[in-house]
Each structure stands twice: as C-alpha cells, then as structure tokens.
Amino acid sequence: MSADVVAARLRAGTLAWSRLARDLAEPALVAQVEAAGSVVVEALHEGRTLLVAGNGGSAAIASHVAAEFLGKCVHDRHPLPAISLAESHSSLTAIGNDYGFEQVFLRGVQAFGREGDVLLAMSTSGASPNVLLAVEEAHARGLRTVLMVGERGEGRRGLAEHTLVVPSDETPRIQEVHMLWAHAWCEAVDEVLADEAGTRCP
C-alpha cells in the first residue's frame, strides 16, 4: 500500500510540475524573475552582501542559497558575501525569547544590512510576520529587497522592490520554484565572475 501512495504522490507532483513549467514561462513572470535576479547578481558583483531569510523549509533554502554563494554553484570563483539569517539556532532562540519571534530576521537586517545590500526573503504563504518585518526594515535602511511567495501572497506585491509570486498554492511546489529561481541566479553569478576571472571550469 505504501508503494501505491508513493507512486500517486509522485504522479501528482510530476503533473503539478508539468503545469508549473507552462505557467513559469509566462513572459510577465519571466521578466519579473529576471529583474529580481539582476539585482542579486549586480549587487554581489559590486561587493555588496546578500542576506537571505525564511522559515522552516524556506530557512533550509536560505542556508542552501548562502552556501552556494560562499562556495560555488557551477564554476570556480572567489567567495561572495551571503548570510542566511536563519542559520544560527542560538541567535534565533535568543532573539525569539528576548524580543519575540517576529524580530528574529529584523535584527539580523539591522546588524548586517547596509545600504545597497540585498535582502532575499521567502514566505510560501506571504504571511510570515518575521519575514515581512525584515523586508520593511531592509527597505527603510536602503537595501534592495526581493520577496518570494506563493499564490496566497499575491497581496504582498509592493511590499518589496521585487515580489515574485509562484503560481501555486502547494507549499512543496512553491519551495521548489523558489530554489529553481535562486539556483538560476547563483549560476548567473558564477558565469559572470568566472568569465571575468578566466577561471570557468569546462
């Protein structure tokens, strides 16, 4: 029976992705993702810092994305300043205990964010108070802001400089698309910097 359940979920996920592949190719959405990605790539190219924030599965994506920039994605190049604000359990629990969970990312923005840096924030629902407060704080401090959400976060357009809405209300699919977009940006950074340094791997 478990094999049947696994097979059914795999078919459902594959079907959802076949629909998503079509929806993600919609020109207006593609243009929005490219514009947001350009902000990330150009900021890192200029030596700015990328701050990444999200809860739960999005926290794992934040750590993954920061690691890609500190290390490499596809080509060798020098390490880039990227920080996952969800990385430190001690900081998260201390801030949550002393100031409230709503401030766990806001204080990270206050500590590390500088004008011209970028905050990449993720919330599948678009309703995470700690993520939204961090975006507002980043905007007030002159950071560039990119917010990635799912369909339920459609109403958050305008909160960030770039708000990207995944055309799905399924949390796993939303997170997978967020990772797809972030990987594209990581790969773009690698391409740009490796080409400049002449260190692109074959």
C-alpha atoms as a PDB file:
ATOM      1  CA  MET A   1       0.000   0.000   0.000  1.00  0.00           C
ATOM      2  CA  SER A   2       2.812   2.447   0.823  1.00  0.00           C
ATOM      3  CA  ALA A   3       4.222   1.925  -2.676  1.00  0.00           C
ATOM      4  CA  ASP A   4       0.855   2.920  -4.134  1.00  0.00           C
ATOM      5  CA  VAL A   5       0.790   6.094  -2.054  1.00  0.00           C
ATOM      6  CA  VAL A   6       4.335   6.992  -3.090  1.00  0.00           C
ATOM      7  CA  ALA A   7       3.501   6.369  -6.740  1.00  0.00           C
ATOM      8  CA  ALA A   8       0.369   8.509  -6.510  1.00  0.00           C
ATOM      9  CA  ARG A   9       2.215  11.401  -4.886  1.00  0.00           C
ATOM     10  CA  LEU A  10       4.997  11.168  -7.453  1.00  0.00           C
ATOM     11  CA  ARG A  11       2.464  11.303 -10.286  1.00  0.00           C
ATOM     12  CA  ALA A  12       0.710  14.249  -8.642  1.00  0.00           C
ATOM     13  CA  GLY A  13       3.983  16.113  -8.202  1.00  0.00           C
ATOM     14  CA  THR A  14       5.054  15.432 -11.771  1.00  0.00           C
ATOM     15  CA  LEU A  15       1.682  16.586 -13.092  1.00  0.00           C
ATOM     16  CA  ALA A  16       1.872  19.742 -10.982  1.00  0.00           C
ATOM     17  CA  TRP A  17       5.325  20.469 -12.383  1.00  0.00           C
ATOM     18  CA  SER A  18       4.170  19.980 -15.963  1.00  0.00           C
ATOM     19  CA  ARG A  19       1.590  22.701 -15.316  1.00  0.00           C
ATOM     20  CA  LEU A  20       4.096  24.858 -13.463  1.00  0.00           C
ATOM     21  CA  ALA A  21       6.588  24.621 -16.322  1.00  0.00           C
ATOM     22  CA  ARG A  22       3.987  26.216 -18.579  1.00  0.00           C
ATOM     23  CA  ASP A  23       2.978  28.870 -16.047  1.00  0.00           C
ATOM     24  CA  LEU A  24       6.573  29.745 -15.144  1.00  0.00           C
ATOM     25  CA  ALA A  25       7.273  30.515 -18.803  1.00  0.00           C
ATOM     26  CA  GLU A  26       4.635  33.268 -18.822  1.00  0.00           C
ATOM     27  CA  PRO A  27       6.501  36.326 -20.180  1.00  0.00           C
ATOM     28  CA  ALA A  28       5.493  38.774 -17.460  1.00  0.00           C
ATOM     29  CA  LEU A  29       6.637  36.394 -14.705  1.00  0.00           C
ATOM     30  CA  VAL A  30       9.874  35.605 -16.534  1.00  0.00           C
ATOM     31  CA  ALA A  31      10.601  39.329 -16.792  1.00  0.00           C
ATOM     32  CA  GLN A  32       9.961  39.798 -13.073  1.00  0.00           C
ATOM     33  CA  VAL A  33      12.279  36.920 -12.131  1.00  0.00           C
ATOM     34  CA  GLU A  34      14.993  38.208 -14.458  1.00  0.00           C
ATOM     35  CA  ALA A  35      14.731  41.723 -12.997  1.00  0.00           C
ATOM     36  CA  ALA A  36      14.967  40.428  -9.419  1.00  0.00           C
ATOM     37  CA  GLY A  37      17.867  38.163 -10.356  1.00  0.00           C
ATOM     38  CA  SER A  38      19.716  41.067 -11.912  1.00  0.00           C
ATOM     39  CA  VAL A  39      19.506  42.916  -8.600  1.00  0.00           C
ATOM     40  CA  VAL A  40      21.108  39.951  -6.811  1.00  0.00           C
ATOM     41  CA  VAL A  41      23.795  39.386  -9.439  1.00  0.00           C
ATOM     42  CA  GLU A  42      24.753  43.049  -9.777  1.00  0.00           C
ATOM     43  CA  ALA A  43      24.887  43.608  -6.013  1.00  0.00           C
ATOM     44  CA  LEU A  44      27.197  40.653  -5.449  1.00  0.00           C
ATOM     45  CA  HIS A  45      29.283  41.692  -8.444  1.00  0.00           C
ATOM     46  CA  GLU A  46      29.725  45.085  -6.757  1.00  0.00           C
ATOM     47  CA  GLY A  47      30.803  43.534  -3.467  1.00  0.00           C
ATOM     48  CA  ARG A  48      27.501  44.012  -1.663  1.00  0.00           C
ATOM     49  CA  THR A  49      26.148  41.492   0.833  1.00  0.00           C
ATOM     50  CA  LEU A  50      23.186  39.197   0.256  1.00  0.00           C
ATOM     51  CA  LEU A  51      21.009  38.477   3.297  1.00  0.00           C
ATOM     52  CA  VAL A  52      18.603  35.550   2.979  1.00  0.00           C
ATOM     53  CA  ALA A  53      15.641  34.819   5.266  1.00  0.00           C
ATOM     54  CA  GLY A  54      12.834  32.304   5.574  1.00  0.00           C
ATOM     55  CA  ASN A  55      11.127  29.929   7.994  1.00  0.00           C
ATOM     56  CA  GLY A  56      11.072  26.125   8.017  1.00  0.00           C
ATOM     57  CA  GLY A  57      11.707  24.759   4.544  1.00  0.00           C
ATOM     58  CA  SER A  58      12.460  28.292   3.389  1.00  0.00           C
ATOM     59  CA  ALA A  59      15.123  28.515   6.120  1.00  0.00           C
ATOM     60  CA  ALA A  60      16.760  25.449   4.579  1.00  0.00           C
ATOM     61  CA  ILE A  61      16.635  27.137   1.181  1.00  0.00           C
ATOM     62  CA  ALA A  62      18.152  30.290   2.729  1.00  0.00           C
ATOM     63  CA  SER A  63      21.073  28.260   4.064  1.00  0.00           C
ATOM     64  CA  HIS A  64      21.452  26.474   0.729  1.00  0.00           C
ATOM     65  CA  VAL A  65      21.487  29.732  -1.225  1.00  0.00           C
ATOM     66  CA  ALA A  66      24.019  31.392   1.090  1.00  0.00           C
ATOM     67  CA  ALA A  67      26.251  28.316   0.825  1.00  0.00           C
ATOM     68  CA  GLU A  68      26.136  28.444  -2.977  1.00  0.00           C
ATOM     69  CA  PHE A  69      27.475  31.999  -2.954  1.00  0.00           C
ATOM     70  CA  LEU A  70      30.105  31.371  -0.268  1.00  0.00           C
ATOM     71  CA  GLY A  71      31.279  28.322  -2.151  1.00  0.00           C
ATOM     72  CA  LYS A  72      30.309  27.872  -5.770  1.00  0.00           C
ATOM     73  CA  CYS A  73      27.369  26.658  -7.785  1.00  0.00           C
ATOM     74  CA  VAL A  74      28.795  25.551 -11.138  1.00  0.00           C
ATOM     75  CA  HIS A  75      32.053  27.463 -11.736  1.00  0.00           C
ATOM     76  CA  ASP A  76      35.042  28.351  -9.610  1.00  0.00           C
ATOM     77  CA  ARG A  77      35.204  31.978  -8.471  1.00  0.00           C
ATOM     78  CA  HIS A  78      36.026  33.892  -5.326  1.00  0.00           C
ATOM     79  CA  PRO A  79      33.655  33.570  -2.330  1.00  0.00           C
ATOM     80  CA  LEU A  80      30.814  36.051  -2.130  1.00  0.00           C
ATOM     81  CA  PRO A  81      29.287  37.677   0.990  1.00  0.00           C
ATOM     82  CA  ALA A  82      25.989  35.892   1.612  1.00  0.00           C
ATOM     83  CA  ILE A  83      24.418  35.332   5.023  1.00  0.00           C
ATOM     84  CA  SER A  84      21.469  33.147   5.967  1.00  0.00           C
ATOM     85  CA  LEU A  85      19.665  34.938   8.782  1.00  0.00           C
ATOM     86  CA  ALA A  86      18.115  31.601   9.769  1.00  0.00           C
ATOM     87  CA  GLU A  87      21.464  29.889  10.303  1.00  0.00           C
ATOM     88  CA  SER A  88      22.203  30.388  13.994  1.00  0.00           C
ATOM     89  CA  HIS A  89      19.973  28.447  16.382  1.00  0.00           C
ATOM     90  CA  SER A  90      21.423  30.387  19.284  1.00  0.00           C
ATOM     91  CA  SER A  91      20.599  33.748  17.740  1.00  0.00           C
ATOM     92  CA  LEU A  92      17.109  32.684  16.649  1.00  0.00           C
ATOM     93  CA  THR A  93      16.171  31.323  20.057  1.00  0.00           C
ATOM     94  CA  ALA A  94      17.774  34.191  21.970  1.00  0.00           C
ATOM     95  CA  ILE A  95      16.054  36.870  19.900  1.00  0.00           C
ATOM     96  CA  GLY A  96      12.789  34.940  19.925  1.00  0.00           C
ATOM     97  CA  ASN A  97      12.935  34.574  23.680  1.00  0.00           C
ATOM     98  CA  ASP A  98      14.016  38.133  24.476  1.00  0.00           C
ATOM     99  CA  TYR A  99      12.229  40.158  21.808  1.00  0.00           C
ATOM    100  CA  GLY A 100       9.672  37.894  20.153  1.00  0.00           C
ATOM    101  CA  PHE A 101       9.888  35.606  17.130  1.00  0.00           C
ATOM    102  CA  GLU A 102       8.688  38.412  14.882  1.00  0.00           C
ATOM    103  CA  GLN A 103      12.089  40.105  15.270  1.00  0.00           C
ATOM    104  CA  VAL A 104      14.438  37.220  14.517  1.00  0.00           C
ATOM    105  CA  PHE A 105      15.158  38.395  10.964  1.00  0.00           C
ATOM    106  CA  LEU A 106      14.594  42.100  11.561  1.00  0.00           C
ATOM    107  CA  ARG A 107      17.519  42.227  13.995  1.00  0.00           C
ATOM    108  CA  GLY A 108      19.690  40.381  11.503  1.00  0.00           C
ATOM    109  CA  VAL A 109      18.920  43.045   8.925  1.00  0.00           C
ATOM    110  CA  GLN A 110      19.744  45.735  11.490  1.00  0.00           C
ATOM    111  CA  ALA A 111      23.045  44.064  12.366  1.00  0.00           C
ATOM    112  CA  PHE A 112      24.335  43.153   8.900  1.00  0.00           C
ATOM    113  CA  GLY A 113      22.376  45.140   6.333  1.00  0.00           C
ATOM    114  CA  ARG A 114      23.918  48.187   4.700  1.00  0.00           C
ATOM    115  CA  GLU A 115      22.587  50.485   2.013  1.00  0.00           C
ATOM    116  CA  GLY A 116      22.920  48.792  -1.366  1.00  0.00           C
ATOM    117  CA  ASP A 117      22.919  45.267   0.079  1.00  0.00           C
ATOM    118  CA  VAL A 118      20.112  42.861  -0.853  1.00  0.00           C
ATOM    119  CA  LEU A 119      17.575  41.037   1.284  1.00  0.00           C
ATOM    120  CA  LEU A 120      16.158  37.915  -0.344  1.00  0.00           C
ATOM    121  CA  ALA A 121      13.135  36.895   1.734  1.00  0.00           C
ATOM    122  CA  MET A 122      10.912  33.851   1.306  1.00  0.00           C
ATOM    123  CA  SER A 123       7.451  33.053   2.647  1.00  0.00           C
ATOM    124  CA  THR A 124       5.301  30.448   0.931  1.00  0.00           C
ATOM    125  CA  SER A 125       2.151  31.972   2.471  1.00  0.00           C
ATOM    126  CA  GLY A 126       3.276  35.577   2.205  1.00  0.00           C
ATOM    127  CA  ALA A 127       2.040  35.985   5.778  1.00  0.00           C
ATOM    128  CA  SER A 128       5.121  35.331   7.935  1.00  0.00           C
ATOM    129  CA  PRO A 129       5.386  38.322  10.326  1.00  0.00           C
ATOM    130  CA  ASN A 130       9.128  37.937  10.872  1.00  0.00           C
ATOM    131  CA  VAL A 131       9.803  37.866   7.120  1.00  0.00           C
ATOM    132  CA  LEU A 132       7.561  40.834   6.374  1.00  0.00           C
ATOM    133  CA  LEU A 133       9.068  42.935   9.173  1.00  0.00           C
ATOM    134  CA  ALA A 134      12.546  42.167   7.846  1.00  0.00           C
ATOM    135  CA  VAL A 135      11.517  43.329   4.370  1.00  0.00           C
ATOM    136  CA  GLU A 136      10.113  46.576   5.771  1.00  0.00           C
ATOM    137  CA  GLU A 137      13.281  47.164   7.817  1.00  0.00           C
ATOM    138  CA  ALA A 138      15.514  46.432   4.849  1.00  0.00           C
ATOM    139  CA  HIS A 139      13.590  48.885   2.683  1.00  0.00           C
ATOM    140  CA  ALA A 140      13.870  51.576   5.369  1.00  0.00           C
ATOM    141  CA  ARG A 141      17.637  51.048   5.541  1.00  0.00           C
ATOM    142  CA  GLY A 142      18.160  51.368   1.804  1.00  0.00           C
ATOM    143  CA  LEU A 143      18.653  47.702   0.983  1.00  0.00           C
ATOM    144  CA  ARG A 144      17.333  46.242  -2.259  1.00  0.00           C
ATOM    145  CA  THR A 145      14.547  43.789  -1.493  1.00  0.00           C
ATOM    146  CA  VAL A 146      13.292  40.633  -3.181  1.00  0.00           C
ATOM    147  CA  LEU A 147      10.317  38.752  -1.704  1.00  0.00           C
ATOM    148  CA  MET A 148       9.350  35.298  -2.995  1.00  0.00           C
ATOM    149  CA  VAL A 149       5.896  33.956  -2.102  1.00  0.00           C
ATOM    150  CA  GLY A 150       3.176  31.593  -3.334  1.00  0.00           C
ATOM    151  CA  GLU A 151      -0.258  32.423  -4.697  1.00  0.00           C
ATOM    152  CA  ARG A 152      -1.597  33.264  -1.239  1.00  0.00           C
ATOM    153  CA  GLY A 153       0.998  36.018  -1.022  1.00  0.00           C
ATOM    154  CA  GLU A 154      -0.282  37.831  -4.095  1.00  0.00           C
ATOM    155  CA  GLY A 155      -1.465  40.687  -1.874  1.00  0.00           C
ATOM    156  CA  ARG A 156       2.112  41.384  -0.782  1.00  0.00           C
ATOM    157  CA  ARG A 157       3.048  42.917  -4.118  1.00  0.00           C
ATOM    158  CA  GLY A 158       4.538  46.331  -3.487  1.00  0.00           C
ATOM    159  CA  LEU A 159       5.991  45.452  -0.077  1.00  0.00           C
ATOM    160  CA  ALA A 160       9.355  44.650  -1.647  1.00  0.00           C
ATOM    161  CA  GLU A 161      11.103  46.187  -4.624  1.00  0.00           C
ATOM    162  CA  HIS A 162      10.592  42.851  -6.383  1.00  0.00           C
ATOM    163  CA  THR A 163       7.819  40.454  -5.311  1.00  0.00           C
ATOM    164  CA  LEU A 164       7.819  37.118  -7.129  1.00  0.00           C
ATOM    165  CA  VAL A 165       4.670  35.013  -6.891  1.00  0.00           C
ATOM    166  CA  VAL A 166       4.831  31.302  -7.658  1.00  0.00           C
ATOM    167  CA  PRO A 167       1.608  30.319  -9.483  1.00  0.00           C
ATOM    168  CA  SER A 168       0.780  27.559  -6.982  1.00  0.00           C
ATOM    169  CA  ASP A 169      -0.764  27.163  -3.544  1.00  0.00           C
ATOM    170  CA  GLU A 170       1.093  23.893  -2.785  1.00  0.00           C
ATOM    171  CA  THR A 171       3.919  24.532  -0.298  1.00  0.00           C
ATOM    172  CA  PRO A 172       6.323  21.879  -1.712  1.00  0.00           C
ATOM    173  CA  ARG A 173       5.914  23.205  -5.255  1.00  0.00           C
ATOM    174  CA  ILE A 174       6.348  26.817  -4.111  1.00  0.00           C
ATOM    175  CA  GLN A 175       9.578  25.981  -2.309  1.00  0.00           C
ATOM    176  CA  GLU A 176      10.863  24.026  -5.299  1.00  0.00           C
ATOM    177  CA  VAL A 177      10.279  27.021  -7.557  1.00  0.00           C
ATOM    178  CA  HIS A 178      11.967  29.360  -5.080  1.00  0.00           C
ATOM    179  CA  MET A 179      15.004  27.081  -5.201  1.00  0.00           C
ATOM    180  CA  LEU A 180      14.833  26.953  -9.012  1.00  0.00           C
ATOM    181  CA  TRP A 181      14.902  30.732  -9.252  1.00  0.00           C
ATOM    182  CA  ALA A 182      17.679  31.076  -6.662  1.00  0.00           C
ATOM    183  CA  HIS A 183      19.765  28.438  -8.432  1.00  0.00           C
ATOM    184  CA  ALA A 184      19.395  30.332 -11.708  1.00  0.00           C
ATOM    185  CA  TRP A 185      20.733  33.448 -10.013  1.00  0.00           C
ATOM    186  CA  CYS A 186      23.600  31.515  -8.411  1.00  0.00           C
ATOM    187  CA  GLU A 187      24.533  30.081 -11.782  1.00  0.00           C
ATOM    188  CA  ALA A 188      24.387  33.549 -13.350  1.00  0.00           C
ATOM    189  CA  VAL A 189      26.759  34.950 -10.718  1.00  0.00           C
ATOM    190  CA  ASP A 190      29.161  32.075 -11.344  1.00  0.00           C
ATOM    191  CA  GLU A 191      29.036  32.695 -15.093  1.00  0.00           C
ATOM    192  CA  VAL A 192      29.711  36.427 -14.747  1.00  0.00           C
ATOM    193  CA  LEU A 193      32.557  36.179 -12.254  1.00  0.00           C
ATOM    194  CA  ALA A 194      34.194  33.089 -13.709  1.00  0.00           C
ATOM    195  CA  ASP A 195      34.229  34.684 -17.159  1.00  0.00           C
ATOM    196  CA  GLU A 196      35.836  37.842 -15.774  1.00  0.00           C
ATOM    197  CA  ALA A 197      38.491  35.874 -13.881  1.00  0.00           C
ATOM    198  CA  GLY A 198      39.099  33.419 -16.677  1.00  0.00           C
ATOM    199  CA  THR A 199      38.509  30.560 -14.238  1.00  0.00           C
ATOM    200  CA  ARG A 200      35.445  28.953 -15.761  1.00  0.00           C
ATOM    201  CA  CYS A 201      35.564  25.180 -15.445  1.00  0.00           C
ATOM    202  CA  PRO A 202      34.990  23.204 -18.651  1.00  0.00           C
END
